[in-house]
Amino acid sequence: METARPSLFRHPPAYDFPRSADLAGRSVRIAPEIPTAFDRPLAAHHKLIGRWVASRDSSATLYTRGDARRHIENSFNQAVLGVLDRLTLADLRIVVLNGEEIGPPAVATICESMGQLDLGWIENSDAPISWRATAYAALEQTLGSALPIFNYQDLFDEISIYYWDGETDDEGARQSLIHYQGADPDDLEEHALPSTMNARKPEWMIAANSVPLAQLPNTLRRALRRLRQTHEALRRLPQDHNAWRFNSETLYEYIPGLEECSALPPLTLVPVEFFAAEVDDVGRHGMEYGFMDVAGLCPLPDADTITHWFASLELGTQFLLAAQYLIELDPAKLRGSHVRP
């Protein structure tokens, strides 16, 4: 995905994945560190995924180790691409981790997109504010279940710590500026305050401007229902074989050095046209050391878990496709839709 404003969040992460990991998704290899010329045994993650591939392949073809490795990689790659192929909302990759002495192999879902999510007609059209606000509120309430993304409240909370020592009202912010940052009480007009920051929110970002589904055109109403339904199905997925969840301690064990990165996600729903300075301030650490771009990590104790993981990957992708469809709606077509009285 090309972000709306590519100048933001474009520094590469400072950490590297361990040598046992390779990125899978748009392009994939699982373990190129195994040279086929020396006929080494397959690594643990090849063996595990190989058992999953074998369970889906009824042919009696025999492979050399090198051919087996390539067949396993290609089969897994095609299965991943078959799920992610239509998704353009965000650039996702799958990382297969050998595990080595940590535990069983694992598979991680990584978001490679950075910056503001393109909000399409919600941000840029002349559609009624109530329609745009309803769509934006739905995305704000749901997208964090699948993507590493922060919204306006997350930004405001970070800024309150960054600017005002955690204060969230104007009077507290003024006292913080005077007592902790040495600001001149007579020159506070030059400083941002919570109320002035909130006042910059465009009307379509304000949840109070949203309306019930019955007051929306049919096309938009159906898109929002699809978003809610797929989101609810995603939330019902179990934790233990989920492509969109992770345990922080387990994640740091599989990817050493990741804890040095910023805790801030790489994507945001905040329109940087209105909050460029704030987004850059909270994103500075991430631009230097990398963002928390992991959407999920799933250990793979057996081949059956891979099947369950793929089912969860499919479900989460259906949710993201619903969000993508909502964002890509044509406002002109919305205006021609029937609206219930």
C-alpha atoms as a PDB file:
ATOM      1  CA  MET A   1       0.000   0.000   0.000  1.00  0.00           C
ATOM      2  CA  GLU A   2       1.235   3.508  -0.739  1.00  0.00           C
ATOM      3  CA  THR A   3       0.550   5.598   2.343  1.00  0.00           C
ATOM      4  CA  ALA A   4      -1.188   8.935   2.011  1.00  0.00           C
ATOM      5  CA  ARG A   5       1.904  10.916   2.972  1.00  0.00           C
ATOM      6  CA  PRO A   6       5.068   8.908   2.331  1.00  0.00           C
ATOM      7  CA  SER A   7       7.369  11.346   4.169  1.00  0.00           C
ATOM      8  CA  LEU A   8       6.138   9.973   7.482  1.00  0.00           C
ATOM      9  CA  PHE A   9       7.381   6.761   9.077  1.00  0.00           C
ATOM     10  CA  ARG A  10       9.742   5.778   6.283  1.00  0.00           C
ATOM     11  CA  HIS A  11      12.809   4.876   8.318  1.00  0.00           C
ATOM     12  CA  PRO A  12      13.521   1.116   8.246  1.00  0.00           C
ATOM     13  CA  PRO A  13      13.363  -0.821  11.530  1.00  0.00           C
ATOM     14  CA  ALA A  14      16.645  -1.005  13.395  1.00  0.00           C
ATOM     15  CA  TYR A  15      16.248  -4.666  14.315  1.00  0.00           C
ATOM     16  CA  ASP A  16      16.818  -7.734  12.165  1.00  0.00           C
ATOM     17  CA  PHE A  17      14.963 -11.006  12.305  1.00  0.00           C
ATOM     18  CA  PRO A  18      17.128 -13.982  13.323  1.00  0.00           C
ATOM     19  CA  ARG A  19      18.780 -15.881  10.485  1.00  0.00           C
ATOM     20  CA  SER A  20      16.215 -18.653  10.814  1.00  0.00           C
ATOM     21  CA  ALA A  21      13.461 -16.303   9.678  1.00  0.00           C
ATOM     22  CA  ASP A  22      12.496 -15.324   6.175  1.00  0.00           C
ATOM     23  CA  LEU A  23       9.757 -13.070   4.954  1.00  0.00           C
ATOM     24  CA  ALA A  24       6.834 -14.715   3.226  1.00  0.00           C
ATOM     25  CA  GLY A  25       3.887 -13.072   1.609  1.00  0.00           C
ATOM     26  CA  ARG A  26       4.333 -11.078  -1.577  1.00  0.00           C
ATOM     27  CA  SER A  27       7.550 -13.074  -2.067  1.00  0.00           C
ATOM     28  CA  VAL A  28       8.632 -16.017  -0.004  1.00  0.00           C
ATOM     29  CA  ARG A  29      11.410 -18.319   0.972  1.00  0.00           C
ATOM     30  CA  ILE A  30      11.387 -20.156   4.247  1.00  0.00           C
ATOM     31  CA  ALA A  31      15.014 -21.036   4.902  1.00  0.00           C
ATOM     32  CA  PRO A  32      17.641 -20.207   2.266  1.00  0.00           C
ATOM     33  CA  GLU A  33      20.377 -20.846   4.832  1.00  0.00           C
ATOM     34  CA  ILE A  34      20.102 -24.583   4.041  1.00  0.00           C
ATOM     35  CA  PRO A  35      22.307 -25.233   0.981  1.00  0.00           C
ATOM     36  CA  THR A  36      20.816 -28.038  -1.076  1.00  0.00           C
ATOM     37  CA  ALA A  37      24.195 -28.896  -2.597  1.00  0.00           C
ATOM     38  CA  PHE A  38      25.343 -30.346   0.728  1.00  0.00           C
ATOM     39  CA  ASP A  39      22.129 -32.348   1.146  1.00  0.00           C
ATOM     40  CA  ARG A  40      21.651 -31.251   4.738  1.00  0.00           C
ATOM     41  CA  PRO A  41      18.586 -32.461   6.653  1.00  0.00           C
ATOM     42  CA  LEU A  42      15.569 -30.203   6.470  1.00  0.00           C
ATOM     43  CA  ALA A  43      15.191 -27.671   9.301  1.00  0.00           C
ATOM     44  CA  ALA A  44      12.429 -28.009  11.873  1.00  0.00           C
ATOM     45  CA  HIS A  45      10.140 -25.482  10.200  1.00  0.00           C
ATOM     46  CA  HIS A  46      10.556 -27.220   6.834  1.00  0.00           C
ATOM     47  CA  LYS A  47       9.687 -30.559   8.360  1.00  0.00           C
ATOM     48  CA  LEU A  48       6.627 -29.177  10.131  1.00  0.00           C
ATOM     49  CA  ILE A  49       5.271 -27.309   7.126  1.00  0.00           C
ATOM     50  CA  GLY A  50       6.243 -30.286   4.993  1.00  0.00           C
ATOM     51  CA  ARG A  51       3.900 -32.488   7.013  1.00  0.00           C
ATOM     52  CA  TRP A  52       1.133 -29.942   6.405  1.00  0.00           C
ATOM     53  CA  VAL A  53       1.927 -29.888   2.668  1.00  0.00           C
ATOM     54  CA  ALA A  54       1.952 -33.700   2.550  1.00  0.00           C
ATOM     55  CA  SER A  55      -1.476 -33.822   4.204  1.00  0.00           C
ATOM     56  CA  ARG A  56      -2.848 -31.767   1.299  1.00  0.00           C
ATOM     57  CA  ASP A  57      -0.970 -33.576  -1.493  1.00  0.00           C
ATOM     58  CA  SER A  58      -2.247 -36.997  -2.570  1.00  0.00           C
ATOM     59  CA  SER A  59       0.467 -37.571  -5.207  1.00  0.00           C
ATOM     60  CA  ALA A  60       3.136 -40.193  -4.665  1.00  0.00           C
ATOM     61  CA  THR A  61       5.952 -37.985  -5.973  1.00  0.00           C
ATOM     62  CA  LEU A  62       9.360 -38.560  -4.398  1.00  0.00           C
ATOM     63  CA  TYR A  63      11.676 -35.578  -3.826  1.00  0.00           C
ATOM     64  CA  THR A  64      15.326 -35.035  -3.096  1.00  0.00           C
ATOM     65  CA  ARG A  65      15.906 -32.886  -0.040  1.00  0.00           C
ATOM     66  CA  GLY A  66      16.531 -29.845  -2.196  1.00  0.00           C
ATOM     67  CA  ASP A  67      13.414 -30.425  -4.271  1.00  0.00           C
ATOM     68  CA  ALA A  68      11.416 -31.128  -1.121  1.00  0.00           C
ATOM     69  CA  ARG A  69      12.507 -27.818   0.374  1.00  0.00           C
ATOM     70  CA  ARG A  70      11.514 -25.941  -2.762  1.00  0.00           C
ATOM     71  CA  HIS A  71       8.187 -27.795  -2.973  1.00  0.00           C
ATOM     72  CA  ILE A  72       7.412 -26.989   0.672  1.00  0.00           C
ATOM     73  CA  GLU A  73       8.293 -23.316   0.195  1.00  0.00           C
ATOM     74  CA  ASN A  74       6.307 -22.981  -3.031  1.00  0.00           C
ATOM     75  CA  SER A  75       3.256 -24.735  -1.584  1.00  0.00           C
ATOM     76  CA  PHE A  76       3.248 -22.568   1.520  1.00  0.00           C
ATOM     77  CA  ASN A  77       3.877 -19.447  -0.527  1.00  0.00           C
ATOM     78  CA  GLN A  78       1.004 -20.115  -2.892  1.00  0.00           C
ATOM     79  CA  ALA A  79      -1.342 -20.823   0.006  1.00  0.00           C
ATOM     80  CA  VAL A  80      -0.402 -17.513   1.657  1.00  0.00           C
ATOM     81  CA  LEU A  81      -0.754 -15.559  -1.579  1.00  0.00           C
ATOM     82  CA  GLY A  82      -4.098 -17.194  -2.208  1.00  0.00           C
ATOM     83  CA  VAL A  83      -5.350 -15.579   0.995  1.00  0.00           C
ATOM     84  CA  LEU A  84      -3.634 -12.173   0.786  1.00  0.00           C
ATOM     85  CA  ASP A  85      -3.690 -11.590  -2.960  1.00  0.00           C
ATOM     86  CA  ARG A  86      -6.683  -9.206  -3.113  1.00  0.00           C
ATOM     87  CA  LEU A  87      -5.671  -7.184  -0.077  1.00  0.00           C
ATOM     88  CA  THR A  88      -4.301  -3.716  -0.890  1.00  0.00           C
ATOM     89  CA  LEU A  89      -5.340  -1.886   2.273  1.00  0.00           C
ATOM     90  CA  ALA A  90      -2.013  -2.764   3.899  1.00  0.00           C
ATOM     91  CA  ASP A  91       1.106  -4.636   2.820  1.00  0.00           C
ATOM     92  CA  LEU A  92       1.260  -7.790   4.937  1.00  0.00           C
ATOM     93  CA  ARG A  93       4.006 -10.382   5.062  1.00  0.00           C
ATOM     94  CA  ILE A  94       4.275 -13.724   6.771  1.00  0.00           C
ATOM     95  CA  VAL A  95       7.456 -14.532   8.685  1.00  0.00           C
ATOM     96  CA  VAL A  96       8.280 -18.185   9.350  1.00  0.00           C
ATOM     97  CA  LEU A  97      10.544 -18.593  12.386  1.00  0.00           C
ATOM     98  CA  ASN A  98      12.564 -21.746  12.959  1.00  0.00           C
ATOM     99  CA  GLY A  99      12.382 -21.444  16.738  1.00  0.00           C
ATOM    100  CA  GLU A 100      15.641 -23.316  17.241  1.00  0.00           C
ATOM    101  CA  GLU A 101      16.166 -23.589  21.020  1.00  0.00           C
ATOM    102  CA  ILE A 102      13.261 -21.268  21.882  1.00  0.00           C
ATOM    103  CA  GLY A 103      10.373 -23.587  21.082  1.00  0.00           C
ATOM    104  CA  PRO A 104       8.518 -24.964  18.088  1.00  0.00           C
ATOM    105  CA  PRO A 105       8.562 -23.116  14.763  1.00  0.00           C
ATOM    106  CA  ALA A 106       6.274 -20.099  14.666  1.00  0.00           C
ATOM    107  CA  VAL A 107       4.657 -17.927  12.045  1.00  0.00           C
ATOM    108  CA  ALA A 108       4.246 -14.163  12.394  1.00  0.00           C
ATOM    109  CA  THR A 109       2.031 -11.678  10.570  1.00  0.00           C
ATOM    110  CA  ILE A 110       3.936  -8.470   9.837  1.00  0.00           C
ATOM    111  CA  CYS A 111       2.606  -5.140   8.546  1.00  0.00           C
ATOM    112  CA  GLU A 112       5.065  -3.414   6.232  1.00  0.00           C
ATOM    113  CA  SER A 113       2.910  -0.346   5.536  1.00  0.00           C
ATOM    114  CA  MET A 114       3.787   2.844   7.398  1.00  0.00           C
ATOM    115  CA  GLY A 115       2.152   6.229   7.868  1.00  0.00           C
ATOM    116  CA  GLN A 116      -1.449   7.271   7.507  1.00  0.00           C
ATOM    117  CA  LEU A 117      -3.928   4.765   6.172  1.00  0.00           C
ATOM    118  CA  ASP A 118      -5.535   6.051   2.983  1.00  0.00           C
ATOM    119  CA  LEU A 119      -9.117   6.872   4.004  1.00  0.00           C
ATOM    120  CA  GLY A 120     -10.408   7.526   0.491  1.00  0.00           C
ATOM    121  CA  TRP A 121     -13.844   9.148   0.295  1.00  0.00           C
ATOM    122  CA  ILE A 122     -14.098   9.391   4.080  1.00  0.00           C
ATOM    123  CA  GLU A 123     -11.359  12.002   4.130  1.00  0.00           C
ATOM    124  CA  ASN A 124     -11.549  13.617   0.716  1.00  0.00           C
ATOM    125  CA  SER A 125     -15.128  13.598  -0.611  1.00  0.00           C
ATOM    126  CA  ASP A 126     -18.028  16.002  -0.293  1.00  0.00           C
ATOM    127  CA  ALA A 127     -20.331  13.257   0.999  1.00  0.00           C
ATOM    128  CA  PRO A 128     -22.429  14.236   4.039  1.00  0.00           C
ATOM    129  CA  ILE A 129     -20.427  14.573   7.238  1.00  0.00           C
ATOM    130  CA  SER A 130     -22.736  12.100   9.002  1.00  0.00           C
ATOM    131  CA  TRP A 131     -21.919   9.362   6.459  1.00  0.00           C
ATOM    132  CA  ARG A 132     -18.188  10.012   6.653  1.00  0.00           C
ATOM    133  CA  ALA A 133     -18.206  10.191  10.456  1.00  0.00           C
ATOM    134  CA  THR A 134     -20.099   6.908  10.733  1.00  0.00           C
ATOM    135  CA  ALA A 135     -17.662   5.124   8.434  1.00  0.00           C
ATOM    136  CA  TYR A 136     -14.623   6.592  10.204  1.00  0.00           C
ATOM    137  CA  ALA A 137     -15.948   5.640  13.642  1.00  0.00           C
ATOM    138  CA  ALA A 138     -16.480   2.054  12.464  1.00  0.00           C
ATOM    139  CA  LEU A 139     -12.885   1.803  11.223  1.00  0.00           C
ATOM    140  CA  GLU A 140     -11.564   3.412  14.403  1.00  0.00           C
ATOM    141  CA  GLN A 141     -13.420   0.881  16.548  1.00  0.00           C
ATOM    142  CA  THR A 142     -12.408  -2.231  14.612  1.00  0.00           C
ATOM    143  CA  LEU A 143      -9.169  -2.008  12.629  1.00  0.00           C
ATOM    144  CA  GLY A 144      -6.930  -2.470  15.652  1.00  0.00           C
ATOM    145  CA  SER A 145      -8.097  -6.085  15.858  1.00  0.00           C
ATOM    146  CA  ALA A 146      -6.046  -6.956  12.774  1.00  0.00           C
ATOM    147  CA  LEU A 147      -3.580  -4.169  12.019  1.00  0.00           C
ATOM    148  CA  PRO A 148      -0.909  -2.503  14.178  1.00  0.00           C
ATOM    149  CA  ILE A 149      -2.509   0.934  14.014  1.00  0.00           C
ATOM    150  CA  PHE A 150      -3.116   3.866  16.359  1.00  0.00           C
ATOM    151  CA  ASN A 151      -6.096   6.223  16.417  1.00  0.00           C
ATOM    152  CA  TYR A 152      -6.661   9.775  17.622  1.00  0.00           C
ATOM    153  CA  GLN A 153      -7.172   8.842  21.273  1.00  0.00           C
ATOM    154  CA  ASP A 154      -3.898   6.917  21.231  1.00  0.00           C
ATOM    155  CA  LEU A 155      -2.185   9.956  19.729  1.00  0.00           C
ATOM    156  CA  PHE A 156      -3.771  12.308  22.281  1.00  0.00           C
ATOM    157  CA  ASP A 157      -2.679  10.061  25.180  1.00  0.00           C
ATOM    158  CA  GLU A 158       0.899  10.002  23.879  1.00  0.00           C
ATOM    159  CA  ILE A 159       0.941  13.750  23.317  1.00  0.00           C
ATOM    160  CA  SER A 160      -0.449  14.430  26.801  1.00  0.00           C
ATOM    161  CA  ILE A 161       2.606  12.653  28.213  1.00  0.00           C
ATOM    162  CA  TYR A 162       4.982  14.189  25.697  1.00  0.00           C
ATOM    163  CA  TYR A 163       3.734  17.799  26.042  1.00  0.00           C
ATOM    164  CA  TRP A 164       1.860  18.102  29.343  1.00  0.00           C
ATOM    165  CA  ASP A 165       3.219  15.440  31.724  1.00  0.00           C
ATOM    166  CA  GLY A 166       0.063  13.369  31.333  1.00  0.00           C
ATOM    167  CA  GLU A 167      -2.429  16.199  31.886  1.00  0.00           C
ATOM    168  CA  THR A 168      -5.513  16.080  29.654  1.00  0.00           C
ATOM    169  CA  ASP A 169      -7.286  19.371  30.418  1.00  0.00           C
ATOM    170  CA  ASP A 170      -6.146  22.909  29.666  1.00  0.00           C
ATOM    171  CA  GLU A 171      -5.585  24.046  33.234  1.00  0.00           C
ATOM    172  CA  GLY A 172      -3.504  21.010  34.118  1.00  0.00           C
ATOM    173  CA  ALA A 173      -1.555  21.388  30.867  1.00  0.00           C
ATOM    174  CA  ARG A 174      -0.836  25.062  31.653  1.00  0.00           C
ATOM    175  CA  GLN A 175       0.474  24.178  35.112  1.00  0.00           C
ATOM    176  CA  SER A 176       2.659  21.462  33.626  1.00  0.00           C
ATOM    177  CA  LEU A 177       4.094  23.839  31.042  1.00  0.00           C
ATOM    178  CA  ILE A 178       4.898  26.404  33.751  1.00  0.00           C
ATOM    179  CA  HIS A 179       6.216  24.150  36.525  1.00  0.00           C
ATOM    180  CA  TYR A 180       7.924  21.352  34.574  1.00  0.00           C
ATOM    181  CA  GLN A 181       8.944  22.979  31.301  1.00  0.00           C
ATOM    182  CA  GLY A 182       9.645  26.500  32.507  1.00  0.00           C
ATOM    183  CA  ALA A 183       7.162  28.206  30.206  1.00  0.00           C
ATOM    184  CA  ASP A 184       6.421  31.868  30.780  1.00  0.00           C
ATOM    185  CA  PRO A 185       2.852  32.193  32.172  1.00  0.00           C
ATOM    186  CA  ASP A 186       2.352  35.241  29.933  1.00  0.00           C
ATOM    187  CA  ASP A 187       3.338  33.404  26.725  1.00  0.00           C
ATOM    188  CA  LEU A 188       1.226  30.257  26.952  1.00  0.00           C
ATOM    189  CA  GLU A 189      -0.652  31.232  23.796  1.00  0.00           C
ATOM    190  CA  GLU A 190       2.326  29.926  21.850  1.00  0.00           C
ATOM    191  CA  HIS A 191       1.912  26.423  23.282  1.00  0.00           C
ATOM    192  CA  ALA A 192      -0.527  23.739  22.181  1.00  0.00           C
ATOM    193  CA  LEU A 193      -3.179  22.805  24.748  1.00  0.00           C
ATOM    194  CA  PRO A 194      -5.583  19.850  24.859  1.00  0.00           C
ATOM    195  CA  SER A 195      -8.497  22.010  23.715  1.00  0.00           C
ATOM    196  CA  THR A 196      -6.586  23.510  20.790  1.00  0.00           C
ATOM    197  CA  MET A 197      -5.448  20.070  19.683  1.00  0.00           C
ATOM    198  CA  ASN A 198      -8.975  18.669  19.897  1.00  0.00           C
ATOM    199  CA  ALA A 199     -10.332  21.667  18.007  1.00  0.00           C
ATOM    200  CA  ARG A 200      -8.297  20.676  14.959  1.00  0.00           C
ATOM    201  CA  LYS A 201     -10.241  17.472  14.457  1.00  0.00           C
ATOM    202  CA  PRO A 202     -12.240  17.639  11.221  1.00  0.00           C
ATOM    203  CA  GLU A 203     -15.959  17.048  11.622  1.00  0.00           C
ATOM    204  CA  TRP A 204     -15.817  13.578  10.072  1.00  0.00           C
ATOM    205  CA  MET A 205     -13.475  12.456  12.874  1.00  0.00           C
ATOM    206  CA  ILE A 206     -15.993  13.299  15.586  1.00  0.00           C
ATOM    207  CA  ALA A 207     -17.979  10.224  16.631  1.00  0.00           C
ATOM    208  CA  ALA A 208     -20.909  12.385  17.771  1.00  0.00           C
ATOM    209  CA  ASN A 209     -21.522  13.271  14.111  1.00  0.00           C
ATOM    210  CA  SER A 210     -22.189   9.631  13.177  1.00  0.00           C
ATOM    211  CA  VAL A 211     -25.737   8.383  12.660  1.00  0.00           C
ATOM    212  CA  PRO A 212     -27.624   5.054  12.948  1.00  0.00           C
ATOM    213  CA  LEU A 213     -27.455   2.655  10.010  1.00  0.00           C
ATOM    214  CA  ALA A 214     -31.088   3.332   9.113  1.00  0.00           C
ATOM    215  CA  GLN A 215     -30.137   6.889   8.132  1.00  0.00           C
ATOM    216  CA  LEU A 216     -27.465   5.756   5.667  1.00  0.00           C
ATOM    217  CA  PRO A 217     -27.758   4.788   1.991  1.00  0.00           C
ATOM    218  CA  ASN A 218     -28.130   1.085   1.260  1.00  0.00           C
ATOM    219  CA  THR A 219     -24.634   0.607  -0.172  1.00  0.00           C
ATOM    220  CA  LEU A 220     -22.942   2.168   2.835  1.00  0.00           C
ATOM    221  CA  ARG A 221     -25.215   0.367   5.277  1.00  0.00           C
ATOM    222  CA  ARG A 222     -24.351  -3.017   3.731  1.00  0.00           C
ATOM    223  CA  ALA A 223     -20.630  -2.213   3.796  1.00  0.00           C
ATOM    224  CA  LEU A 224     -20.752  -1.303   7.479  1.00  0.00           C
ATOM    225  CA  ARG A 225     -22.690  -4.450   8.333  1.00  0.00           C
ATOM    226  CA  ARG A 226     -20.146  -6.565   6.501  1.00  0.00           C
ATOM    227  CA  LEU A 227     -17.346  -4.822   8.414  1.00  0.00           C
ATOM    228  CA  ARG A 228     -19.070  -5.459  11.767  1.00  0.00           C
ATOM    229  CA  GLN A 229     -19.883  -9.093  10.965  1.00  0.00           C
ATOM    230  CA  THR A 230     -16.364  -9.997   9.857  1.00  0.00           C
ATOM    231  CA  HIS A 231     -14.897  -8.132  12.817  1.00  0.00           C
ATOM    232  CA  GLU A 232     -17.099 -10.053  15.248  1.00  0.00           C
ATOM    233  CA  ALA A 233     -16.037 -13.339  13.643  1.00  0.00           C
ATOM    234  CA  LEU A 234     -12.379 -12.308  13.982  1.00  0.00           C
ATOM    235  CA  ARG A 235     -12.815 -11.462  17.654  1.00  0.00           C
ATOM    236  CA  ARG A 236     -14.260 -14.919  18.332  1.00  0.00           C
ATOM    237  CA  LEU A 237     -11.117 -16.690  17.122  1.00  0.00           C
ATOM    238  CA  PRO A 238      -9.223 -18.597  19.835  1.00  0.00           C
ATOM    239  CA  GLN A 239      -5.913 -17.167  20.987  1.00  0.00           C
ATOM    240  CA  ASP A 240      -3.719 -20.244  20.533  1.00  0.00           C
ATOM    241  CA  HIS A 241      -3.750 -20.561  16.727  1.00  0.00           C
ATOM    242  CA  ASN A 242      -4.557 -17.027  15.688  1.00  0.00           C
ATOM    243  CA  ALA A 243      -2.731 -15.170  12.902  1.00  0.00           C
ATOM    244  CA  TRP A 244      -3.771 -11.804  14.425  1.00  0.00           C
ATOM    245  CA  ARG A 245      -2.832 -12.115  18.116  1.00  0.00           C
ATOM    246  CA  PHE A 246       0.421 -12.447  20.026  1.00  0.00           C
ATOM    247  CA  ASN A 247       1.846 -12.757  23.502  1.00  0.00           C
ATOM    248  CA  SER A 248       4.501 -10.089  24.058  1.00  0.00           C
ATOM    249  CA  GLU A 249       6.868 -12.312  26.049  1.00  0.00           C
ATOM    250  CA  THR A 250       6.712 -15.044  23.427  1.00  0.00           C
ATOM    251  CA  LEU A 251       7.186 -12.498  20.650  1.00  0.00           C
ATOM    252  CA  TYR A 252      10.354 -11.098  22.226  1.00  0.00           C
ATOM    253  CA  GLU A 253      11.744 -14.614  22.641  1.00  0.00           C
ATOM    254  CA  TYR A 254      11.273 -15.416  18.970  1.00  0.00           C
ATOM    255  CA  ILE A 255      12.491 -12.016  17.708  1.00  0.00           C
ATOM    256  CA  PRO A 256      15.319 -10.796  19.977  1.00  0.00           C
ATOM    257  CA  GLY A 257      15.858  -7.050  19.934  1.00  0.00           C
ATOM    258  CA  LEU A 258      12.273  -6.240  19.080  1.00  0.00           C
ATOM    259  CA  GLU A 259      11.737  -4.852  22.585  1.00  0.00           C
ATOM    260  CA  GLU A 260      14.148  -2.027  21.694  1.00  0.00           C
ATOM    261  CA  CYS A 261      11.718  -0.754  19.068  1.00  0.00           C
ATOM    262  CA  SER A 262       9.032   1.812  19.699  1.00  0.00           C
ATOM    263  CA  ALA A 263       5.790   0.444  21.115  1.00  0.00           C
ATOM    264  CA  LEU A 264       4.003   2.665  18.591  1.00  0.00           C
ATOM    265  CA  PRO A 265       2.386   0.858  15.639  1.00  0.00           C
ATOM    266  CA  PRO A 266       3.542   1.871  12.157  1.00  0.00           C
ATOM    267  CA  LEU A 267       0.059   2.764  10.845  1.00  0.00           C
ATOM    268  CA  THR A 268      -2.339   5.486  11.933  1.00  0.00           C
ATOM    269  CA  LEU A 269      -5.929   6.501  11.279  1.00  0.00           C
ATOM    270  CA  VAL A 270      -5.105  10.100  12.250  1.00  0.00           C
ATOM    271  CA  PRO A 271      -5.147  12.465   9.239  1.00  0.00           C
ATOM    272  CA  VAL A 272      -1.662  13.951   9.203  1.00  0.00           C
ATOM    273  CA  GLU A 273      -2.930  16.958   7.268  1.00  0.00           C
ATOM    274  CA  PHE A 274      -4.291  18.186  10.598  1.00  0.00           C
ATOM    275  CA  PHE A 275      -1.844  16.621  13.078  1.00  0.00           C
ATOM    276  CA  ALA A 276       1.496  16.375  11.260  1.00  0.00           C
ATOM    277  CA  ALA A 277       3.592  17.815  14.118  1.00  0.00           C
ATOM    278  CA  GLU A 278       2.030  15.546  16.739  1.00  0.00           C
ATOM    279  CA  VAL A 279       2.346  12.416  14.598  1.00  0.00           C
ATOM    280  CA  ASP A 280       5.999  13.200  13.880  1.00  0.00           C
ATOM    281  CA  ASP A 281       6.722  13.846  17.573  1.00  0.00           C
ATOM    282  CA  VAL A 282       5.289  10.545  18.805  1.00  0.00           C
ATOM    283  CA  GLY A 283       6.781   8.684  15.845  1.00  0.00           C
ATOM    284  CA  ARG A 284      10.346   9.925  16.279  1.00  0.00           C
ATOM    285  CA  HIS A 285      11.501   6.944  18.346  1.00  0.00           C
ATOM    286  CA  GLY A 286       9.944   4.544  15.876  1.00  0.00           C
ATOM    287  CA  MET A 287      11.595   6.266  12.924  1.00  0.00           C
ATOM    288  CA  GLU A 288      14.953   5.806  14.633  1.00  0.00           C
ATOM    289  CA  TYR A 289      14.572   2.306  16.078  1.00  0.00           C
ATOM    290  CA  GLY A 290      11.642   0.724  14.267  1.00  0.00           C
ATOM    291  CA  PHE A 291       7.935   0.390  15.011  1.00  0.00           C
ATOM    292  CA  MET A 292       5.986  -2.453  16.588  1.00  0.00           C
ATOM    293  CA  ASP A 293       4.835  -3.796  13.235  1.00  0.00           C
ATOM    294  CA  VAL A 294       3.797  -7.297  14.340  1.00  0.00           C
ATOM    295  CA  ALA A 295       0.106  -8.084  13.915  1.00  0.00           C
ATOM    296  CA  GLY A 296       0.282 -11.657  15.204  1.00  0.00           C
ATOM    297  CA  LEU A 297       2.581 -14.512  16.249  1.00  0.00           C
ATOM    298  CA  CYS A 298       1.477 -18.148  16.367  1.00  0.00           C
ATOM    299  CA  PRO A 299       3.740 -21.006  17.568  1.00  0.00           C
ATOM    300  CA  LEU A 300       3.254 -24.186  15.522  1.00  0.00           C
ATOM    301  CA  PRO A 301       3.533 -27.295  17.716  1.00  0.00           C
ATOM    302  CA  ASP A 302       2.072 -29.548  14.999  1.00  0.00           C
ATOM    303  CA  ALA A 303       0.865 -29.540  11.398  1.00  0.00           C
ATOM    304  CA  ASP A 304      -2.800 -29.264  12.426  1.00  0.00           C
ATOM    305  CA  THR A 305      -2.049 -25.852  13.928  1.00  0.00           C
ATOM    306  CA  ILE A 306      -0.986 -24.639  10.478  1.00  0.00           C
ATOM    307  CA  THR A 307      -4.444 -25.539   9.144  1.00  0.00           C
ATOM    308  CA  HIS A 308      -6.105 -23.589  11.965  1.00  0.00           C
ATOM    309  CA  TRP A 309      -3.684 -20.704  11.446  1.00  0.00           C
ATOM    310  CA  PHE A 310      -4.602 -20.489   7.769  1.00  0.00           C
ATOM    311  CA  ALA A 311      -8.293 -20.434   8.684  1.00  0.00           C
ATOM    312  CA  SER A 312      -7.654 -17.480  11.004  1.00  0.00           C
ATOM    313  CA  LEU A 313      -5.537 -15.744   8.353  1.00  0.00           C
ATOM    314  CA  GLU A 314      -8.442 -16.080   5.930  1.00  0.00           C
ATOM    315  CA  LEU A 315     -10.950 -14.719   8.446  1.00  0.00           C
ATOM    316  CA  GLY A 316      -8.804 -11.704   9.300  1.00  0.00           C
ATOM    317  CA  THR A 317      -8.213 -11.025   5.622  1.00  0.00           C
ATOM    318  CA  GLN A 318     -11.966 -11.089   4.975  1.00  0.00           C
ATOM    319  CA  PHE A 319     -12.326  -8.449   7.692  1.00  0.00           C
ATOM    320  CA  LEU A 320      -9.605  -6.282   6.141  1.00  0.00           C
ATOM    321  CA  LEU A 321     -11.196  -6.701   2.715  1.00  0.00           C
ATOM    322  CA  ALA A 322     -14.453  -5.434   4.230  1.00  0.00           C
ATOM    323  CA  ALA A 323     -12.587  -2.369   5.532  1.00  0.00           C
ATOM    324  CA  GLN A 324     -10.926  -1.955   2.146  1.00  0.00           C
ATOM    325  CA  TYR A 325     -14.301  -2.100   0.408  1.00  0.00           C
ATOM    326  CA  LEU A 326     -15.716   0.520   2.780  1.00  0.00           C
ATOM    327  CA  ILE A 327     -12.838   2.896   2.084  1.00  0.00           C
ATOM    328  CA  GLU A 328     -13.009   2.390  -1.677  1.00  0.00           C
ATOM    329  CA  LEU A 329     -16.728   3.152  -1.989  1.00  0.00           C
ATOM    330  CA  ASP A 330     -17.641   5.735  -4.624  1.00  0.00           C
ATOM    331  CA  PRO A 331     -19.440   8.676  -2.935  1.00  0.00           C
ATOM    332  CA  ALA A 332     -21.297   9.400  -6.186  1.00  0.00           C
ATOM    333  CA  LYS A 333     -22.820   5.916  -6.079  1.00  0.00           C
ATOM    334  CA  LEU A 334     -23.668   6.399  -2.425  1.00  0.00           C
ATOM    335  CA  ARG A 335     -25.677   9.486  -3.264  1.00  0.00           C
ATOM    336  CA  GLY A 336     -27.748   7.444  -5.698  1.00  0.00           C
ATOM    337  CA  SER A 337     -28.590   4.815  -3.094  1.00  0.00           C
ATOM    338  CA  HIS A 338     -31.926   4.697  -1.382  1.00  0.00           C
ATOM    339  CA  VAL A 339     -31.990   6.100   2.161  1.00  0.00           C
ATOM    340  CA  ARG A 340     -34.630   4.901   4.551  1.00  0.00           C
ATOM    341  CA  PRO A 341     -36.900   7.648   5.912  1.00  0.00           C
END
